[in-house]
PDB file of N, CA and C in Angstrom:
ATOM      1  N   MET A   1      12.931  13.830  15.995  1.00  0.00           N
ATOM      2  CA  MET A   1      12.288  12.592  14.605  1.00  0.00           C
ATOM      3  C   MET A   1      13.107  13.106  13.516  1.00  0.00           C
ATOM      4  N   ASN A   2      13.833  11.724  13.280  1.00  0.00           N
ATOM      5  CA  ASN A   2      14.831  12.243  11.480  1.00  0.00           C
ATOM      6  C   ASN A   2      13.422  12.299  10.804  1.00  0.00           C
ATOM      7  N   ASP A   3      11.904  12.997   9.813  1.00  0.00           N
ATOM      8  CA  ASP A   3      11.556  12.635   9.457  1.00  0.00           C
ATOM      9  C   ASP A   3      11.877  11.827   7.914  1.00  0.00           C
ATOM     10  N   ASP A   4      13.099  11.803   7.887  1.00  0.00           N
ATOM     11  CA  ASP A   4      12.881  11.082   5.703  1.00  0.00           C
ATOM     12  C   ASP A   4      13.674   9.480   6.587  1.00  0.00           C
ATOM     13  N   ALA A   5      14.153   8.933   7.782  1.00  0.00           N
ATOM     14  CA  ALA A   5      13.657   8.496   8.247  1.00  0.00           C
ATOM     15  C   ALA A   5      12.656   8.023   8.495  1.00  0.00           C
ATOM     16  N   VAL A   6      11.431   8.112   8.801  1.00  0.00           N
ATOM     17  CA  VAL A   6      10.048   8.146   9.023  1.00  0.00           C
ATOM     18  C   VAL A   6       9.017   7.486   7.579  1.00  0.00           C
ATOM     19  N   PHE A   7      10.104   8.855   6.209  1.00  0.00           N
ATOM     20  CA  PHE A   7       9.377   8.783   4.974  1.00  0.00           C
ATOM     21  C   PHE A   7       9.704   6.929   4.541  1.00  0.00           C
ATOM     22  N   LYS A   8      11.068   7.079   4.786  1.00  0.00           N
ATOM     23  CA  LYS A   8      11.978   6.634   4.308  1.00  0.00           C
ATOM     24  C   LYS A   8      11.376   4.726   4.324  1.00  0.00           C
ATOM     25  N   ALA A   9      11.070   5.111   5.883  1.00  0.00           N
ATOM     26  CA  ALA A   9       9.704   3.219   6.190  1.00  0.00           C
ATOM     27  C   ALA A   9       8.376   3.497   5.910  1.00  0.00           C
ATOM     28  N   LEU A  10       7.556   4.696   4.986  1.00  0.00           N
ATOM     29  CA  LEU A  10       7.016   4.226   5.024  1.00  0.00           C
ATOM     30  C   LEU A  10       6.533   4.380   3.056  1.00  0.00           C
ATOM     31  N   ALA A  11       7.230   4.494   2.705  1.00  0.00           N
ATOM     32  CA  ALA A  11       7.681   4.280   1.428  1.00  0.00           C
ATOM     33  C   ALA A  11       7.256   3.012   1.443  1.00  0.00           C
ATOM     34  N   ASP A  12       7.014   1.752   1.790  1.00  0.00           N
ATOM     35  CA  ASP A  12       7.510   1.096   0.782  1.00  0.00           C
ATOM     36  C   ASP A  12       6.271   0.190   1.315  1.00  0.00           C
ATOM     37  N   SER A  13       5.711  -0.396   0.496  1.00  0.00           N
ATOM     38  CA  SER A  13       4.378  -1.366   0.858  1.00  0.00           C
ATOM     39  C   SER A  13       4.244  -2.555   1.503  1.00  0.00           C
ATOM     40  N   SER A  14       5.282  -2.989   1.557  1.00  0.00           N
ATOM     41  CA  SER A  14       6.068  -4.633   2.734  1.00  0.00           C
ATOM     42  C   SER A  14       5.751  -3.523   3.641  1.00  0.00           C
ATOM     43  N   ARG A  15       5.795  -2.696   4.085  1.00  0.00           N
ATOM     44  CA  ARG A  15       6.817  -2.002   5.835  1.00  0.00           C
ATOM     45  C   ARG A  15       5.054  -1.327   6.609  1.00  0.00           C
ATOM     46  N   ARG A  16       4.425  -0.957   5.253  1.00  0.00           N
ATOM     47  CA  ARG A  16       2.986  -0.582   5.441  1.00  0.00           C
ATOM     48  C   ARG A  16       2.469  -1.948   6.244  1.00  0.00           C
ATOM     49  N   LYS A  17       2.319  -2.892   5.360  1.00  0.00           N
ATOM     50  CA  LYS A  17       1.994  -3.772   5.390  1.00  0.00           C
ATOM     51  C   LYS A  17       1.656  -4.230   6.747  1.00  0.00           C
ATOM     52  N   LEU A  18       2.999  -3.975   7.664  1.00  0.00           N
ATOM     53  CA  LEU A  18       3.569  -5.055   8.610  1.00  0.00           C
ATOM     54  C   LEU A  18       2.978  -3.945   9.884  1.00  0.00           C
ATOM     55  N   LEU A  19       3.174  -2.740   9.533  1.00  0.00           N
ATOM     56  CA  LEU A  19       3.153  -1.818  10.083  1.00  0.00           C
ATOM     57  C   LEU A  19       1.296  -1.937  10.779  1.00  0.00           C
ATOM     58  N   ASP A  20       0.386  -1.957   9.822  1.00  0.00           N
ATOM     59  CA  ASP A  20      -1.084  -2.549   9.986  1.00  0.00           C
ATOM     60  C   ASP A  20      -0.810  -3.998  10.153  1.00  0.00           C
ATOM     61  N   ARG A  21      -0.354  -4.440  10.471  1.00  0.00           N
ATOM     62  CA  ARG A  21      -0.333  -5.589  11.092  1.00  0.00           C
ATOM     63  C   ARG A  21      -0.398  -5.245  12.440  1.00  0.00           C
ATOM     64  N   LEU A  22       0.302  -4.926  13.006  1.00  0.00           N
ATOM     65  CA  LEU A  22       0.548  -4.300  13.980  1.00  0.00           C
ATOM     66  C   LEU A  22      -0.199  -3.784  15.162  1.00  0.00           C
ATOM     67  N   ARG A  23      -1.136  -2.243  14.121  1.00  0.00           N
ATOM     68  CA  ARG A  23      -2.200  -1.888  14.397  1.00  0.00           C
ATOM     69  C   ARG A  23      -3.256  -2.285  14.849  1.00  0.00           C
ATOM     70  N   HIS A  24      -3.440  -3.755  14.332  1.00  0.00           N
ATOM     71  CA  HIS A  24      -4.507  -4.746  14.070  1.00  0.00           C
ATOM     72  C   HIS A  24      -3.998  -4.970  15.599  1.00  0.00           C
ATOM     73  N   LYS A  25      -3.062  -6.249  16.123  1.00  0.00           N
ATOM     74  CA  LYS A  25      -2.917  -6.825  17.150  1.00  0.00           C
ATOM     75  C   LYS A  25      -1.101  -7.001  17.410  1.00  0.00           C
ATOM     76  N   ASN A  26      -1.270  -5.609  18.237  1.00  0.00           N
ATOM     77  CA  ASN A  26      -0.065  -4.856  18.628  1.00  0.00           C
ATOM     78  C   ASN A  26       0.314  -5.981  19.568  1.00  0.00           C
ATOM     79  N   GLY A  27       2.262  -6.608  19.383  1.00  0.00           N
ATOM     80  CA  GLY A  27       2.980  -7.204  20.755  1.00  0.00           C
ATOM     81  C   GLY A  27       3.209  -8.828  19.831  1.00  0.00           C
ATOM     82  N   GLN A  28       3.895  -8.853  18.446  1.00  0.00           N
ATOM     83  CA  GLN A  28       3.726 -10.140  18.219  1.00  0.00           C
ATOM     84  C   GLN A  28       5.074 -10.076  17.638  1.00  0.00           C
ATOM     85  N   THR A  29       5.754 -11.483  17.815  1.00  0.00           N
ATOM     86  CA  THR A  29       7.227 -12.370  17.510  1.00  0.00           C
ATOM     87  C   THR A  29       7.162 -11.889  16.029  1.00  0.00           C
ATOM     88  N   LEU A  30       8.412 -12.489  15.782  1.00  0.00           N
ATOM     89  CA  LEU A  30       8.844 -11.865  13.376  1.00  0.00           C
ATOM     90  C   LEU A  30       7.920 -13.574  13.208  1.00  0.00           C
ATOM     91  N   GLY A  31       7.586 -14.519  13.805  1.00  0.00           N
ATOM     92  CA  GLY A  31       6.849 -15.663  13.404  1.00  0.00           C
ATOM     93  C   GLY A  31       5.567 -15.007  12.800  1.00  0.00           C
ATOM     94  N   GLU A  32       5.856 -14.671  13.942  1.00  0.00           N
ATOM     95  CA  GLU A  32       3.736 -14.317  14.000  1.00  0.00           C
ATOM     96  C   GLU A  32       3.264 -13.179  12.581  1.00  0.00           C
ATOM     97  N   LEU A  33       4.078 -12.065  12.788  1.00  0.00           N
ATOM     98  CA  LEU A  33       4.513 -11.440  11.656  1.00  0.00           C
ATOM     99  C   LEU A  33       4.625 -11.962   9.930  1.00  0.00           C
ATOM    100  N   CYS A  34       5.130 -12.822  10.096  1.00  0.00           N
ATOM    101  CA  CYS A  34       5.672 -13.923   8.954  1.00  0.00           C
ATOM    102  C   CYS A  34       4.773 -14.633   8.219  1.00  0.00           C
ATOM    103  N   ASP A  35       3.593 -14.770   9.458  1.00  0.00           N
ATOM    104  CA  ASP A  35       3.001 -15.751   8.793  1.00  0.00           C
ATOM    105  C   ASP A  35       1.580 -15.149   7.929  1.00  0.00           C
ATOM    106  N   GLY A  36       1.655 -15.793   6.901  1.00  0.00           N
ATOM    107  CA  GLY A  36       0.661 -15.310   5.734  1.00  0.00           C
ATOM    108  C   GLY A  36       1.138 -14.391   4.488  1.00  0.00           C
ATOM    109  N   LEU A  37       2.772 -14.324   4.914  1.00  0.00           N
ATOM    110  CA  LEU A  37       3.334 -12.913   4.032  1.00  0.00           C
ATOM    111  C   LEU A  37       4.101 -13.934   3.269  1.00  0.00           C
ATOM    112  N   ASP A  38       4.378 -13.320   1.987  1.00  0.00           N
ATOM    113  CA  ASP A  38       4.432 -13.802   0.245  1.00  0.00           C
ATOM    114  C   ASP A  38       6.331 -13.274   1.158  1.00  0.00           C
ATOM    115  N   MET A  39       6.673 -13.070   2.236  1.00  0.00           N
ATOM    116  CA  MET A  39       8.148 -13.208   2.420  1.00  0.00           C
ATOM    117  C   MET A  39       8.911 -14.277   3.325  1.00  0.00           C
ATOM    118  N   THR A  40      10.575 -13.843   2.907  1.00  0.00           N
ATOM    119  CA  THR A  40      11.161 -13.980   3.922  1.00  0.00           C
ATOM    120  C   THR A  40      11.695 -13.873   4.496  1.00  0.00           C
ATOM    121  N   ARG A  41      11.696 -15.164   5.985  1.00  0.00           N
ATOM    122  CA  ARG A  41      11.972 -14.396   7.801  1.00  0.00           C
ATOM    123  C   ARG A  41      12.888 -13.122   7.553  1.00  0.00           C
ATOM    124  N   GLN A  42      13.889 -13.503   6.851  1.00  0.00           N
ATOM    125  CA  GLN A  42      15.468 -12.950   6.680  1.00  0.00           C
ATOM    126  C   GLN A  42      14.666 -10.500   6.165  1.00  0.00           C
ATOM    127  N   ALA A  43      13.775 -10.912   5.112  1.00  0.00           N
ATOM    128  CA  ALA A  43      12.894  -9.570   4.749  1.00  0.00           C
ATOM    129  C   ALA A  43      12.042  -9.466   5.414  1.00  0.00           C
ATOM    130  N   VAL A  44      11.271  -9.941   5.619  1.00  0.00           N
ATOM    131  CA  VAL A  44      10.606  -8.777   7.448  1.00  0.00           C
ATOM    132  C   VAL A  44      11.756  -8.550   8.355  1.00  0.00           C
ATOM    133  N   ALA A  45      12.086  -9.140   8.872  1.00  0.00           N
ATOM    134  CA  ALA A  45      13.280  -8.911   9.952  1.00  0.00           C
ATOM    135  C   ALA A  45      13.953  -7.545   9.036  1.00  0.00           C
ATOM    136  N   LYS A  46      14.315  -7.595   7.582  1.00  0.00           N
ATOM    137  CA  LYS A  46      14.941  -6.110   7.401  1.00  0.00           C
ATOM    138  C   LYS A  46      14.266  -4.893   7.067  1.00  0.00           C
ATOM    139  N   HIS A  47      13.099  -5.506   6.780  1.00  0.00           N
ATOM    140  CA  HIS A  47      12.114  -4.567   7.173  1.00  0.00           C
ATOM    141  C   HIS A  47      11.589  -3.390   8.282  1.00  0.00           C
ATOM    142  N   LEU A  48      11.727  -4.559   9.343  1.00  0.00           N
ATOM    143  CA  LEU A  48      11.335  -4.093  10.635  1.00  0.00           C
ATOM    144  C   LEU A  48      12.800  -3.014  11.172  1.00  0.00           C
ATOM    145  N   ARG A  49      13.761  -3.750  10.896  1.00  0.00           N
ATOM    146  CA  ARG A  49      14.684  -2.577  11.372  1.00  0.00           C
ATOM    147  C   ARG A  49      14.757  -1.646  10.297  1.00  0.00           C
ATOM    148  N   VAL A  50      13.810  -1.620   9.827  1.00  0.00           N
ATOM    149  CA  VAL A  50      13.959   0.373   8.441  1.00  0.00           C
ATOM    150  C   VAL A  50      13.049   1.121   9.849  1.00  0.00           C
ATOM    151  N   LEU A  51      12.123   0.263  10.309  1.00  0.00           N
ATOM    152  CA  LEU A  51      11.155   0.702  10.718  1.00  0.00           C
ATOM    153  C   LEU A  51      11.594   0.787  12.259  1.00  0.00           C
ATOM    154  N   LYS A  52      11.968  -0.015  12.919  1.00  0.00           N
ATOM    155  CA  LYS A  52      12.466   0.406  14.032  1.00  0.00           C
ATOM    156  C   LYS A  52      13.480   1.909  13.798  1.00  0.00           C
ATOM    157  N   LYS A  53      14.474   1.895  13.142  1.00  0.00           N
ATOM    158  CA  LYS A  53      15.516   3.056  12.813  1.00  0.00           C
ATOM    159  C   LYS A  53      14.118   4.170  12.555  1.00  0.00           C
ATOM    160  N   GLY A  54      13.133   3.875  11.693  1.00  0.00           N
ATOM    161  CA  GLY A  54      12.748   5.885  11.590  1.00  0.00           C
ATOM    162  C   GLY A  54      11.400   5.551  13.030  1.00  0.00           C
ATOM    163  N   ASN A  55      11.265   4.740  13.860  1.00  0.00           N
ATOM    164  CA  ASN A  55      10.668   5.162  15.494  1.00  0.00           C
ATOM    165  C   ASN A  55       9.775   4.527  15.856  1.00  0.00           C
ATOM    166  N   LEU A  56       9.137   3.728  13.959  1.00  0.00           N
ATOM    167  CA  LEU A  56       8.255   3.205  13.830  1.00  0.00           C
ATOM    168  C   LEU A  56       7.673   1.958  14.632  1.00  0.00           C
ATOM    169  N   VAL A  57       8.797   1.075  14.824  1.00  0.00           N
ATOM    170  CA  VAL A  57       8.908   0.006  15.290  1.00  0.00           C
ATOM    171  C   VAL A  57       9.477  -0.516  16.567  1.00  0.00           C
ATOM    172  N   SER A  58       8.795  -1.046  18.262  1.00  0.00           N
ATOM    173  CA  SER A  58       9.949  -1.272  18.993  1.00  0.00           C
ATOM    174  C   SER A  58       9.867  -2.201  18.952  1.00  0.00           C
ATOM    175  N   TRP A  59      10.240  -2.866  19.746  1.00  0.00           N
ATOM    176  CA  TRP A  59      10.427  -4.439  20.335  1.00  0.00           C
ATOM    177  C   TRP A  59      11.115  -4.656  21.911  1.00  0.00           C
ATOM    178  N   LYS A  60      10.366  -5.722  22.735  1.00  0.00           N
ATOM    179  CA  LYS A  60      11.078  -6.060  23.589  1.00  0.00           C
ATOM    180  C   LYS A  60      11.396  -7.481  24.089  1.00  0.00           C
ATOM    181  N   ARG A  61      12.097  -7.920  25.113  1.00  0.00           N
ATOM    182  CA  ARG A  61      12.372  -9.289  24.797  1.00  0.00           C
ATOM    183  C   ARG A  61      11.141  -9.733  25.874  1.00  0.00           C
ATOM    184  N   ASP A  62      10.543 -11.273  24.943  1.00  0.00           N
ATOM    185  CA  ASP A  62       9.556 -11.976  26.299  1.00  0.00           C
ATOM    186  C   ASP A  62      10.353 -13.272  26.150  1.00  0.00           C
ATOM    187  N   GLY A  63      11.018 -13.394  27.277  1.00  0.00           N
ATOM    188  CA  GLY A  63      11.945 -15.055  27.176  1.00  0.00           C
ATOM    189  C   GLY A  63      12.594 -14.704  25.917  1.00  0.00           C
ATOM    190  N   ARG A  64      12.321 -16.098  24.952  1.00  0.00           N
ATOM    191  CA  ARG A  64      13.183 -15.914  24.403  1.00  0.00           C
ATOM    192  C   ARG A  64      12.784 -15.422  22.727  1.00  0.00           C
ATOM    193  N   GLU A  65      11.306 -15.006  23.269  1.00  0.00           N
ATOM    194  CA  GLU A  65      11.005 -14.248  21.695  1.00  0.00           C
ATOM    195  C   GLU A  65      10.851 -12.340  22.107  1.00  0.00           C
ATOM    196  N   ARG A  66      10.794 -12.150  20.529  1.00  0.00           N
ATOM    197  CA  ARG A  66      11.114 -10.822  20.777  1.00  0.00           C
ATOM    198  C   ARG A  66       9.912 -10.090  20.355  1.00  0.00           C
ATOM    199  N   LEU A  67       9.112  -9.407  21.006  1.00  0.00           N
ATOM    200  CA  LEU A  67       7.936  -8.334  20.255  1.00  0.00           C
ATOM    201  C   LEU A  67       7.982  -7.083  20.463  1.00  0.00           C
ATOM    202  N   HIS A  68       7.334  -7.989  18.708  1.00  0.00           N
ATOM    203  CA  HIS A  68       7.110  -5.911  18.733  1.00  0.00           C
ATOM    204  C   HIS A  68       6.156  -5.498  18.041  1.00  0.00           C
ATOM    205  N   PHE A  69       6.373  -3.899  18.338  1.00  0.00           N
ATOM    206  CA  PHE A  69       4.857  -3.084  18.705  1.00  0.00           C
ATOM    207  C   PHE A  69       5.273  -1.177  17.819  1.00  0.00           C
ATOM    208  N   ILE A  70       3.789  -1.278  17.243  1.00  0.00           N
ATOM    209  CA  ILE A  70       4.272   0.154  16.552  1.00  0.00           C
ATOM    210  C   ILE A  70       3.919   1.417  17.748  1.00  0.00           C
ATOM    211  N   ASN A  71       4.450   1.877  17.011  1.00  0.00           N
ATOM    212  CA  ASN A  71       4.885   3.472  17.841  1.00  0.00           C
ATOM    213  C   ASN A  71       3.784   4.106  16.702  1.00  0.00           C
ATOM    214  N   PRO A  72       2.938   5.609  17.487  1.00  0.00           N
ATOM    215  CA  PRO A  72       2.915   6.184  16.322  1.00  0.00           C
ATOM    216  C   PRO A  72       2.578   7.068  16.424  1.00  0.00           C
ATOM    217  N   VAL A  73       3.091   7.700  16.874  1.00  0.00           N
ATOM    218  CA  VAL A  73       4.152   9.916  17.301  1.00  0.00           C
ATOM    219  C   VAL A  73       4.469   9.622  16.406  1.00  0.00           C
ATOM    220  N   PRO A  74       5.744   8.885  15.668  1.00  0.00           N
ATOM    221  CA  PRO A  74       6.145   9.682  14.823  1.00  0.00           C
ATOM    222  C   PRO A  74       5.241   9.865  13.170  1.00  0.00           C
ATOM    223  N   ILE A  75       4.039   8.731  13.769  1.00  0.00           N
ATOM    224  CA  ILE A  75       3.105   9.243  12.210  1.00  0.00           C
ATOM    225  C   ILE A  75       1.895  10.337  12.175  1.00  0.00           C
ATOM    226  N   ASN A  76       1.395  10.378  13.665  1.00  0.00           N
ATOM    227  CA  ASN A  76       0.962  11.911  14.626  1.00  0.00           C
ATOM    228  C   ASN A  76       1.565  12.601  14.363  1.00  0.00           C
ATOM    229  N   GLU A  77       3.179  13.156  14.360  1.00  0.00           N
ATOM    230  CA  GLU A  77       4.069  14.558  14.282  1.00  0.00           C
ATOM    231  C   GLU A  77       3.591  14.862  12.655  1.00  0.00           C
ATOM    232  N   ILE A  78       4.194  13.220  11.995  1.00  0.00           N
ATOM    233  CA  ILE A  78       4.221  13.951  10.300  1.00  0.00           C
ATOM    234  C   ILE A  78       2.674  14.563  10.113  1.00  0.00           C
ATOM    235  N   SER A  79       1.453  14.289  10.422  1.00  0.00           N
ATOM    236  CA  SER A  79      -0.253  14.455  10.544  1.00  0.00           C
ATOM    237  C   SER A  79       0.260  15.743  11.038  1.00  0.00           C
ATOM    238  N   GLU A  80       1.008  16.109  12.274  1.00  0.00           N
ATOM    239  CA  GLU A  80       0.912  17.802  12.414  1.00  0.00           C
ATOM    240  C   GLU A  80       1.247  18.815  12.580  1.00  0.00           C
ATOM    241  N   ARG A  81       2.615  18.051  11.783  1.00  0.00           N
ATOM    242  CA  ARG A  81       4.028  18.712  10.929  1.00  0.00           C
ATOM    243  C   ARG A  81       2.802  19.459   8.906  1.00  0.00           C
ATOM    244  N   TRP A  82       2.249  18.630   8.736  1.00  0.00           N
ATOM    245  CA  TRP A  82       2.324  18.494   7.263  1.00  0.00           C
ATOM    246  C   TRP A  82       0.778  18.655   6.942  1.00  0.00           C
ATOM    247  N   ILE A  83      -0.049  17.787   7.411  1.00  0.00           N
ATOM    248  CA  ILE A  83      -1.398  17.421   7.120  1.00  0.00           C
ATOM    249  C   ILE A  83      -2.210  18.523   7.843  1.00  0.00           C
ATOM    250  N   SER A  84      -1.753  18.762   9.238  1.00  0.00           N
ATOM    251  CA  SER A  84      -3.613  19.628   9.977  1.00  0.00           C
ATOM    252  C   SER A  84      -2.959  21.077   9.561  1.00  0.00           C
ATOM    253  N   LYS A  85      -1.605  21.621   8.544  1.00  0.00           N
ATOM    254  CA  LYS A  85      -1.893  22.814   8.354  1.00  0.00           C
ATOM    255  C   LYS A  85      -2.748  23.083   7.375  1.00  0.00           C
ATOM    256  N   PHE A  86      -2.841  21.833   6.581  1.00  0.00           N
ATOM    257  CA  PHE A  86      -3.332  21.934   5.399  1.00  0.00           C
ATOM    258  C   PHE A  86      -4.921  21.590   5.621  1.00  0.00           C
ATOM    259  N   GLU A  87      -5.778  21.323   7.093  1.00  0.00           N
ATOM    260  CA  GLU A  87      -6.838  21.650   7.089  1.00  0.00           C
ATOM    261  C   GLU A  87      -7.678  22.526   7.954  1.00  0.00           C
ATOM    262  N   GLN A  88      -6.637  22.892   8.970  1.00  0.00           N
ATOM    263  CA  GLN A  88      -7.224  24.558   9.426  1.00  0.00           C
ATOM    264  C   GLN A  88      -7.516  25.488   8.704  1.00  0.00           C
ATOM    265  N   PRO A  89      -7.039  26.041   7.301  1.00  0.00           N
ATOM    266  CA  PRO A  89      -7.909  26.567   6.961  1.00  0.00           C
ATOM    267  C   PRO A  89     -10.271  26.664   6.507  1.00  0.00           C
ATOM    268  N   ARG A  90      -9.104  24.549   6.331  1.00  0.00           N
ATOM    269  CA  ARG A  90     -11.524  24.603   6.008  1.00  0.00           C
ATOM    270  C   ARG A  90     -11.492  23.973   7.817  1.00  0.00           C
ATOM    271  N   LEU A  91     -11.182  23.632   8.578  1.00  0.00           N
ATOM    272  CA  LEU A  91     -11.884  23.495   9.746  1.00  0.00           C
ATOM    273  C   LEU A  91     -12.757  24.947  10.305  1.00  0.00           C
ATOM    274  N   HIS A  92     -11.477  26.433   9.759  1.00  0.00           N
ATOM    275  CA  HIS A  92     -11.714  27.368  10.087  1.00  0.00           C
ATOM    276  C   HIS A  92     -13.554  27.394   9.953  1.00  0.00           C
ATOM    277  N   ALA A  93     -13.298  27.829   8.397  1.00  0.00           N
ATOM    278  CA  ALA A  93     -14.323  28.146   7.477  1.00  0.00           C
ATOM    279  C   ALA A  93     -15.801  27.337   8.126  1.00  0.00           C
ATOM    280  N   LEU A  94     -15.886  25.961   7.809  1.00  0.00           N
ATOM    281  CA  LEU A  94     -16.191  24.785   8.254  1.00  0.00           C
ATOM    282  C   LEU A  94     -16.956  25.496  10.234  1.00  0.00           C
ATOM    283  N   ALA A  95     -16.342  26.325  10.732  1.00  0.00           N
ATOM    284  CA  ALA A  95     -16.630  26.880  12.430  1.00  0.00           C
ATOM    285  C   ALA A  95     -17.828  27.604  11.588  1.00  0.00           C
ATOM    286  N   ARG A  96     -17.030  28.996  10.931  1.00  0.00           N
ATOM    287  CA  ARG A  96     -17.748  30.210  11.181  1.00  0.00           C
ATOM    288  C   ARG A  96     -19.025  29.381   9.772  1.00  0.00           C
ATOM    289  N   LEU A  97     -19.243  29.246   9.167  1.00  0.00           N
ATOM    290  CA  LEU A  97     -20.202  28.248   8.191  1.00  0.00           C
ATOM    291  C   LEU A  97     -21.822  28.448   9.754  1.00  0.00           C
ATOM    292  N   LYS A  98     -20.781  26.675   9.985  1.00  0.00           N
ATOM    293  CA  LYS A  98     -22.242  26.686  11.645  1.00  0.00           C
ATOM    294  C   LYS A  98     -22.508  27.855  12.542  1.00  0.00           C
ATOM    295  N   LYS A  99     -21.506  29.060  12.085  1.00  0.00           N
ATOM    296  CA  LYS A  99     -21.678  30.395  12.982  1.00  0.00           C
ATOM    297  C   LYS A  99     -22.975  30.671  12.820  1.00  0.00           C
ATOM    298  N   ASN A 100     -23.136  31.441  11.359  1.00  0.00           N
ATOM    299  CA  ASN A 100     -23.633  31.708  10.137  1.00  0.00           C
ATOM    300  C   ASN A 100     -24.704  31.274  10.009  1.00  0.00           C
ATOM    301  N   LEU A 101     -24.832  29.892  10.295  1.00  0.00           N
ATOM    302  CA  LEU A 101     -26.046  29.792   9.541  1.00  0.00           C
ATOM    303  C   LEU A 101     -26.888  29.250  11.723  1.00  0.00           C
ATOM    304  N   GLU A 102     -25.749  29.190  12.357  1.00  0.00           N
ATOM    305  CA  GLU A 102     -27.205  29.475  13.620  1.00  0.00           C
ATOM    306  C   GLU A 102     -27.344  30.479  14.291  1.00  0.00           C
ATOM    307  N   GLY A 103     -26.802  31.640  13.559  1.00  0.00           N
ATOM    308  CA  GLY A 103     -27.470  33.127  13.933  1.00  0.00           C
ATOM    309  C   GLY A 103     -26.401  33.212  14.963  1.00  0.00           C
ATOM    310  N   GLU A 104     -25.465  32.927  14.864  1.00  0.00           N
ATOM    311  CA  GLU A 104     -24.683  33.665  16.364  1.00  0.00           C
ATOM    312  C   GLU A 104     -23.553  34.542  15.692  1.00  0.00           C
TER     313      GLU A 104
END
């Protein structure tokens, strides 16, 4: 995974909004993703290409339509690499506190 491409894709609020929409309802067409957004169809397509480059979105053809799907794996990998390591000491401290309070 290229962290730079993932962080670049996540850096833009419009792209995060598209990911939120796919998280809410996966497998949407470009038209569905554009519906209700204050962006042109071309702008949404450009954002989707950046998300695809970051491996955050994939798509497949369904007849004449292209369905877009969120790929949560890169976000999970970032969480494991960058975030969870900071949480581990807190979790160990909570586990020790629990054992002490329960008299183990």
